Amino acid sequence: MAGCAARAPPGSEARLSLATFLLGASVLALPLLTRAGLQGRTGLALYVAGLNALLLLLYRPPRYQIAIRACFLGFVFGCGMLLSFSQSSWSHFGWYMCSLSLFHYSEYLVTAVNNPKSLSLDSFLLNHSLEYTVAALSSWLEFTLENIFWPELKQITWLSVTGLLMVVFGECLRKAAMFTAGSNFNHVVQNEKSDTHTLVTSGVYAWFRHPSYVGWFYWSIGTQVMLCNPICGVSYALTVWRFFRDRTEEEEISLIHFFGEEYLEYKKRVPTGLPFIKGVKVDL
């Protein structure tokens, strides 16, 4: 895994990422440049070139790698905001851009604050998997084609709002799970128990055994409901359900190994939170 600077002062990665995310989001000021006489595309190209030059001047590896990723996500968020308030058929795609960029950035930020020992560039989850990338590209392609040939399909506001509410719920639940778990949370399923690893059963973990997965589950489906993507909406639901079914079973095997009877009792009391997923079967 690509790591961050080992000797960086505590919290420095979080501050760096936040500053550069906000720097990227300053693309929101671009309309002011176009009013001043710059053409839209020219202004955007100059803005992007200026941002990259500034980051190269201010930071050296590995801090530059953090800065460029956070700045890129801030840029996507800012562009999404501009698109959201435009009077075009792409406004709901702007909601999606904001949701996607904020999700990936907040994964890094919360990890930096909550569990800095596990922090790496991979904490942005930008390179999650090939399947994740293909799924995202497929949803963009579906939205584009349907927006061209059936634009009325992308104007079902109540459905997009429903998707947005699913996204907000999923995002909040996942981040609450990360904060509640603290240093026990990791993006990678652990096969060995660390000295500080404890079983968390309070907060949102009293509602669901896997609240971070529940949050991501509804967030991912919500993005497609928001985009009014019927094909990806169905395929996302089936794919993420299967992914989290396998993931919960893999994780619970480790948790039973780590905590034994304590986890088995917790498993009896609290559901996974994922529909029709009960977790690993235990023969007593």
Protein backbone atom coordinates (compact mmCIF):
# COMPACT_ATOMS: atom_id res chain seq x y z
CA MET A 1 0.00 0.00 0.00
CA ALA A 2 1.20 3.50 -0.76
CA GLY A 3 1.97 5.12 2.55
CA CYS A 4 2.07 8.70 3.74
CA ALA A 5 5.05 10.33 5.37
CA ALA A 6 5.99 8.33 8.44
CA ARG A 7 7.38 11.31 10.38
CA ALA A 8 4.60 13.75 9.63
CA PRO A 9 3.27 15.56 12.73
CA PRO A 10 -0.05 14.18 14.05
CA GLY A 11 -2.97 15.62 12.14
CA SER A 12 -0.84 17.19 9.41
CA GLU A 13 -2.28 14.95 6.67
CA ALA A 14 -5.82 15.91 7.70
CA ARG A 15 -5.00 19.64 7.61
CA LEU A 16 -3.16 19.30 4.30
CA SER A 17 -5.98 17.38 2.67
CA LEU A 18 -8.63 19.80 3.93
CA ALA A 19 -6.71 22.85 2.71
CA THR A 20 -6.16 21.40 -0.74
CA PHE A 21 -9.73 20.06 -1.00
CA LEU A 22 -11.00 23.59 -0.36
CA LEU A 23 -8.47 24.92 -2.84
CA GLY A 24 -9.86 22.62 -5.52
CA ALA A 25 -13.42 23.56 -4.59
CA SER A 26 -12.56 27.20 -5.27
CA VAL A 27 -13.47 26.40 -8.89
CA LEU A 28 -16.82 27.72 -7.69
CA ALA A 29 -15.34 31.17 -8.38
CA LEU A 30 -14.81 30.35 -12.06
CA PRO A 31 -18.05 32.07 -13.19
CA LEU A 32 -16.54 35.33 -11.89
CA LEU A 33 -13.58 34.86 -14.26
CA THR A 34 -15.85 34.23 -17.22
CA ARG A 35 -17.78 37.40 -16.44
CA ALA A 36 -14.47 39.24 -16.41
CA GLY A 37 -13.96 38.31 -20.06
CA LEU A 38 -12.34 34.87 -20.05
CA GLN A 39 -14.03 32.17 -22.09
CA GLY A 40 -15.31 29.22 -20.07
CA ARG A 41 -12.93 26.59 -21.45
CA THR A 42 -9.97 28.96 -21.39
CA GLY A 43 -10.67 29.95 -17.82
CA LEU A 44 -11.06 26.32 -16.76
CA ALA A 45 -7.78 25.29 -18.43
CA LEU A 46 -5.90 28.18 -16.84
CA TYR A 47 -7.44 27.39 -13.47
CA VAL A 48 -6.43 23.70 -13.58
CA ALA A 49 -2.90 24.54 -14.78
CA GLY A 50 -2.53 27.15 -12.06
CA LEU A 51 -3.69 24.75 -9.35
CA ASN A 52 -1.23 22.06 -10.37
CA ALA A 53 1.64 24.55 -10.61
CA LEU A 54 0.82 25.86 -7.14
CA LEU A 55 0.74 22.37 -5.63
CA LEU A 56 4.07 21.50 -7.27
CA LEU A 57 5.62 24.63 -5.79
CA LEU A 58 4.22 24.10 -2.30
CA TYR A 59 4.62 20.35 -1.78
CA ARG A 60 7.09 17.56 -2.38
CA PRO A 61 6.38 13.82 -2.39
CA PRO A 62 4.71 12.23 -0.52
CA ARG A 63 2.72 15.32 0.52
CA TYR A 64 2.15 16.25 -3.11
CA GLN A 65 0.41 12.91 -3.70
CA ILE A 66 -1.99 13.70 -0.85
CA ALA A 67 -2.50 17.27 -2.04
CA ILE A 68 -3.20 16.45 -5.68
CA ARG A 69 -5.81 13.82 -4.78
CA ALA A 70 -7.60 16.03 -2.27
CA CYS A 71 -7.45 18.99 -4.64
CA PHE A 72 -8.85 16.88 -7.48
CA LEU A 73 -11.76 15.74 -5.30
CA GLY A 74 -12.40 19.34 -4.24
CA PHE A 75 -12.36 20.36 -7.90
CA VAL A 76 -14.93 17.66 -8.76
CA PHE A 77 -17.06 18.78 -5.80
CA GLY A 78 -16.92 22.41 -6.95
CA CYS A 79 -17.79 21.49 -10.54
CA GLY A 80 -20.65 19.39 -9.21
CA MET A 81 -21.98 22.36 -7.27
CA LEU A 82 -21.85 24.56 -10.36
CA LEU A 83 -23.65 21.90 -12.38
CA SER A 84 -26.25 21.36 -9.64
CA PHE A 85 -27.40 24.96 -9.88
CA SER A 86 -27.36 25.08 -13.66
CA GLN A 87 -30.59 25.12 -15.63
CA SER A 88 -29.72 22.00 -17.61
CA SER A 89 -30.65 18.32 -17.75
CA TRP A 90 -27.28 17.59 -16.11
CA SER A 91 -28.12 19.22 -12.78
CA HIS A 92 -28.79 15.87 -11.06
CA PHE A 93 -25.44 14.62 -12.32
CA GLY A 94 -24.00 17.57 -10.41
CA TRP A 95 -25.58 16.16 -7.24
CA TYR A 96 -23.87 12.88 -8.04
CA MET A 97 -20.47 14.54 -8.56
CA CYS A 98 -20.76 16.24 -5.17
CA SER A 99 -21.79 12.99 -3.46
CA LEU A 100 -19.03 10.93 -5.07
CA SER A 101 -16.20 13.38 -4.40
CA LEU A 102 -17.32 14.06 -0.83
CA PHE A 103 -17.54 10.33 -0.11
CA HIS A 104 -13.98 9.63 -1.27
CA TYR A 105 -12.50 12.68 0.38
CA SER A 106 -14.25 12.10 3.71
CA GLU A 107 -12.97 8.50 3.77
CA TYR A 108 -9.43 9.87 3.85
CA LEU A 109 -10.18 12.73 6.24
CA VAL A 110 -11.98 10.60 8.83
CA THR A 111 -9.21 7.99 8.70
CA ALA A 112 -6.59 10.71 9.15
CA VAL A 113 -8.40 12.02 12.23
CA ASN A 114 -9.65 8.74 13.64
CA ASN A 115 -7.03 6.12 12.87
CA PRO A 116 -3.86 7.77 11.49
CA LYS A 117 -1.80 4.59 11.93
CA SER A 118 -3.76 2.93 9.11
CA LEU A 119 -3.71 6.03 6.89
CA SER A 120 -2.36 5.74 3.34
CA LEU A 121 -3.10 7.11 -0.10
CA ASP A 122 -5.38 4.11 -0.51
CA SER A 123 -7.62 5.63 2.18
CA PHE A 124 -9.10 7.86 -0.53
CA LEU A 125 -10.49 4.60 -2.02
CA LEU A 126 -9.88 6.01 -5.49
CA ASN A 127 -8.24 2.74 -6.52
CA HIS A 128 -10.75 0.54 -4.70
CA SER A 129 -10.97 -2.14 -7.41
CA LEU A 130 -11.32 -2.63 -11.15
CA GLU A 131 -14.95 -3.64 -10.63
CA TYR A 132 -15.66 -0.41 -8.75
CA THR A 133 -14.15 1.66 -11.57
CA VAL A 134 -16.10 -0.23 -14.25
CA ALA A 135 -19.32 0.24 -12.28
CA ALA A 136 -18.75 4.00 -12.01
CA LEU A 137 -17.92 4.35 -15.71
CA SER A 138 -21.00 2.31 -16.62
CA SER A 139 -23.26 4.61 -14.62
CA TRP A 140 -21.78 7.69 -16.32
CA LEU A 141 -22.29 6.12 -19.74
CA GLU A 142 -25.88 5.14 -18.97
CA PHE A 143 -26.74 8.61 -17.71
CA THR A 144 -25.18 10.25 -20.78
CA LEU A 145 -26.92 8.03 -23.33
CA GLU A 146 -30.31 8.22 -21.61
CA ASN A 147 -29.95 11.97 -21.21
CA ILE A 148 -29.40 12.27 -24.96
CA PHE A 149 -32.13 9.92 -26.17
CA TRP A 150 -34.66 10.05 -23.31
CA PRO A 151 -34.00 13.34 -21.47
CA GLU A 152 -37.39 13.22 -19.76
CA LEU A 153 -36.16 10.14 -17.85
CA LYS A 154 -33.58 12.32 -16.11
CA GLN A 155 -36.11 14.91 -14.96
CA ILE A 156 -37.97 12.81 -12.37
CA THR A 157 -37.15 15.15 -9.51
CA TRP A 158 -38.91 13.22 -6.74
CA LEU A 159 -36.91 10.11 -7.64
CA SER A 160 -33.62 12.02 -7.68
CA VAL A 161 -34.46 13.56 -4.30
CA THR A 162 -35.18 10.07 -2.94
CA GLY A 163 -31.77 8.96 -4.16
CA LEU A 164 -30.14 12.01 -2.58
CA LEU A 165 -31.74 11.18 0.77
CA MET A 166 -30.44 7.59 0.47
CA VAL A 167 -26.96 8.96 -0.25
CA VAL A 168 -27.05 11.34 2.73
CA PHE A 169 -28.32 8.59 5.04
CA GLY A 170 -25.69 6.12 3.85
CA GLU A 171 -22.86 8.65 4.09
CA CYS A 172 -23.82 9.75 7.61
CA LEU A 173 -24.23 6.17 8.83
CA ARG A 174 -20.87 5.07 7.43
CA LYS A 175 -19.00 8.02 8.90
CA ALA A 176 -20.75 7.53 12.26
CA ALA A 177 -19.56 3.91 12.18
CA MET A 178 -15.99 4.99 11.44
CA PHE A 179 -15.97 7.51 14.28
CA THR A 180 -17.58 5.06 16.72
CA ALA A 181 -15.11 2.28 15.90
CA GLY A 182 -12.12 4.63 16.18
CA SER A 183 -8.81 2.85 15.75
CA ASN A 184 -10.68 -0.45 15.36
CA PHE A 185 -11.88 0.63 11.91
CA ASN A 186 -9.80 -0.33 8.89
CA HIS A 187 -10.52 -0.33 5.17
CA VAL A 188 -8.90 -3.75 4.89
CA VAL A 189 -10.30 -6.83 6.63
CA GLN A 190 -7.82 -7.78 9.34
CA ASN A 191 -6.67 -11.38 9.70
CA GLU A 192 -4.60 -10.80 12.83
CA LYS A 193 -5.83 -9.21 16.04
CA SER A 194 -3.81 -6.22 17.21
CA ASP A 195 -3.20 -5.45 20.90
CA THR A 196 -5.59 -2.48 20.77
CA HIS A 197 -8.37 -4.23 18.83
CA THR A 198 -11.61 -4.31 20.83
CA LEU A 199 -15.14 -5.39 19.96
CA VAL A 200 -17.30 -2.28 19.47
CA THR A 201 -20.97 -2.83 20.32
CA SER A 202 -22.13 0.69 21.24
CA GLY A 203 -23.52 3.58 19.21
CA VAL A 204 -24.54 2.60 15.68
CA TYR A 205 -23.00 -0.83 16.32
CA ALA A 206 -25.88 -1.44 18.72
CA TRP A 207 -28.24 -1.10 15.73
CA PHE A 208 -26.28 -3.06 13.12
CA ARG A 209 -23.28 -5.38 13.26
CA HIS A 210 -21.87 -3.81 10.09
CA PRO A 211 -23.08 -0.19 10.00
CA SER A 212 -20.30 0.98 7.68
CA TYR A 213 -21.35 -1.64 5.13
CA VAL A 214 -25.02 -0.74 5.54
CA GLY A 215 -24.14 2.90 4.91
CA TRP A 216 -22.08 2.11 1.81
CA PHE A 217 -24.79 -0.26 0.54
CA TYR A 218 -27.51 2.39 0.59
CA TRP A 219 -25.12 5.13 -0.55
CA SER A 220 -24.11 3.20 -3.68
CA ILE A 221 -27.70 2.31 -4.66
CA GLY A 222 -28.79 5.86 -3.83
CA THR A 223 -26.35 7.30 -6.37
CA GLN A 224 -28.10 5.41 -9.15
CA VAL A 225 -31.58 6.31 -7.91
CA MET A 226 -30.38 9.93 -7.87
CA LEU A 227 -29.26 9.63 -11.50
CA CYS A 228 -32.51 7.85 -12.49
CA ASN A 229 -30.38 5.05 -13.97
CA PRO A 230 -32.71 2.01 -14.23
CA ILE A 231 -30.10 -0.41 -15.59
CA CYS A 232 -27.29 0.49 -13.19
CA GLY A 233 -29.80 0.86 -10.37
CA VAL A 234 -30.73 -2.81 -10.61
CA SER A 235 -27.21 -4.04 -11.37
CA TYR A 236 -25.71 -1.98 -8.50
CA ALA A 237 -28.25 -3.40 -6.05
CA LEU A 238 -27.46 -6.99 -7.05
CA THR A 239 -23.69 -6.47 -7.22
CA VAL A 240 -23.23 -4.63 -3.93
CA TRP A 241 -25.55 -7.08 -2.16
CA ARG A 242 -23.39 -9.98 -3.30
CA PHE A 243 -20.19 -8.10 -2.44
CA PHE A 244 -21.30 -7.32 1.11
CA ARG A 245 -22.68 -10.83 1.64
CA ASP A 246 -19.21 -12.24 0.94
CA ARG A 247 -17.46 -9.42 2.79
CA THR A 248 -19.47 -9.82 6.00
CA GLU A 249 -18.84 -13.56 6.04
CA GLU A 250 -15.11 -13.03 5.54
CA GLU A 251 -14.97 -10.41 8.28
CA GLU A 252 -17.07 -12.37 10.75
CA ILE A 253 -14.78 -15.40 10.46
CA SER A 254 -11.95 -13.16 11.69
CA LEU A 255 -14.10 -11.55 14.40
CA ILE A 256 -15.16 -14.94 15.78
CA HIS A 257 -11.50 -15.96 15.81
CA PHE A 258 -10.57 -12.71 17.61
CA PHE A 259 -13.36 -12.50 20.18
CA GLY A 260 -14.92 -15.96 20.36
CA GLU A 261 -18.05 -16.27 22.48
CA GLU A 262 -18.24 -12.51 23.00
CA TYR A 263 -18.81 -11.95 19.29
CA LEU A 264 -21.18 -14.91 18.97
CA GLU A 265 -23.40 -13.41 21.67
CA TYR A 266 -23.29 -10.03 19.93
CA LYS A 267 -24.14 -11.74 16.64
CA LYS A 268 -27.27 -13.28 18.19
CA ARG A 269 -28.50 -9.93 19.50
CA VAL A 270 -27.78 -7.56 16.62
CA PRO A 271 -28.60 -8.00 12.90
CA THR A 272 -26.15 -7.19 10.11
CA GLY A 273 -28.41 -4.40 8.89
CA LEU A 274 -28.07 -5.60 5.30
CA PRO A 275 -31.25 -7.02 3.71
CA PHE A 276 -31.35 -10.83 3.59
CA ILE A 277 -27.76 -11.11 4.83
CA LYS A 278 -27.28 -12.90 8.16
CA GLY A 279 -23.51 -13.24 8.14
CA VAL A 280 -21.40 -16.34 8.51
CA LYS A 281 -23.20 -19.49 9.65
CA VAL A 282 -21.84 -21.03 12.83
CA ASP A 283 -22.38 -24.68 13.67
CA LEU A 284 -22.65 -25.06 17.43
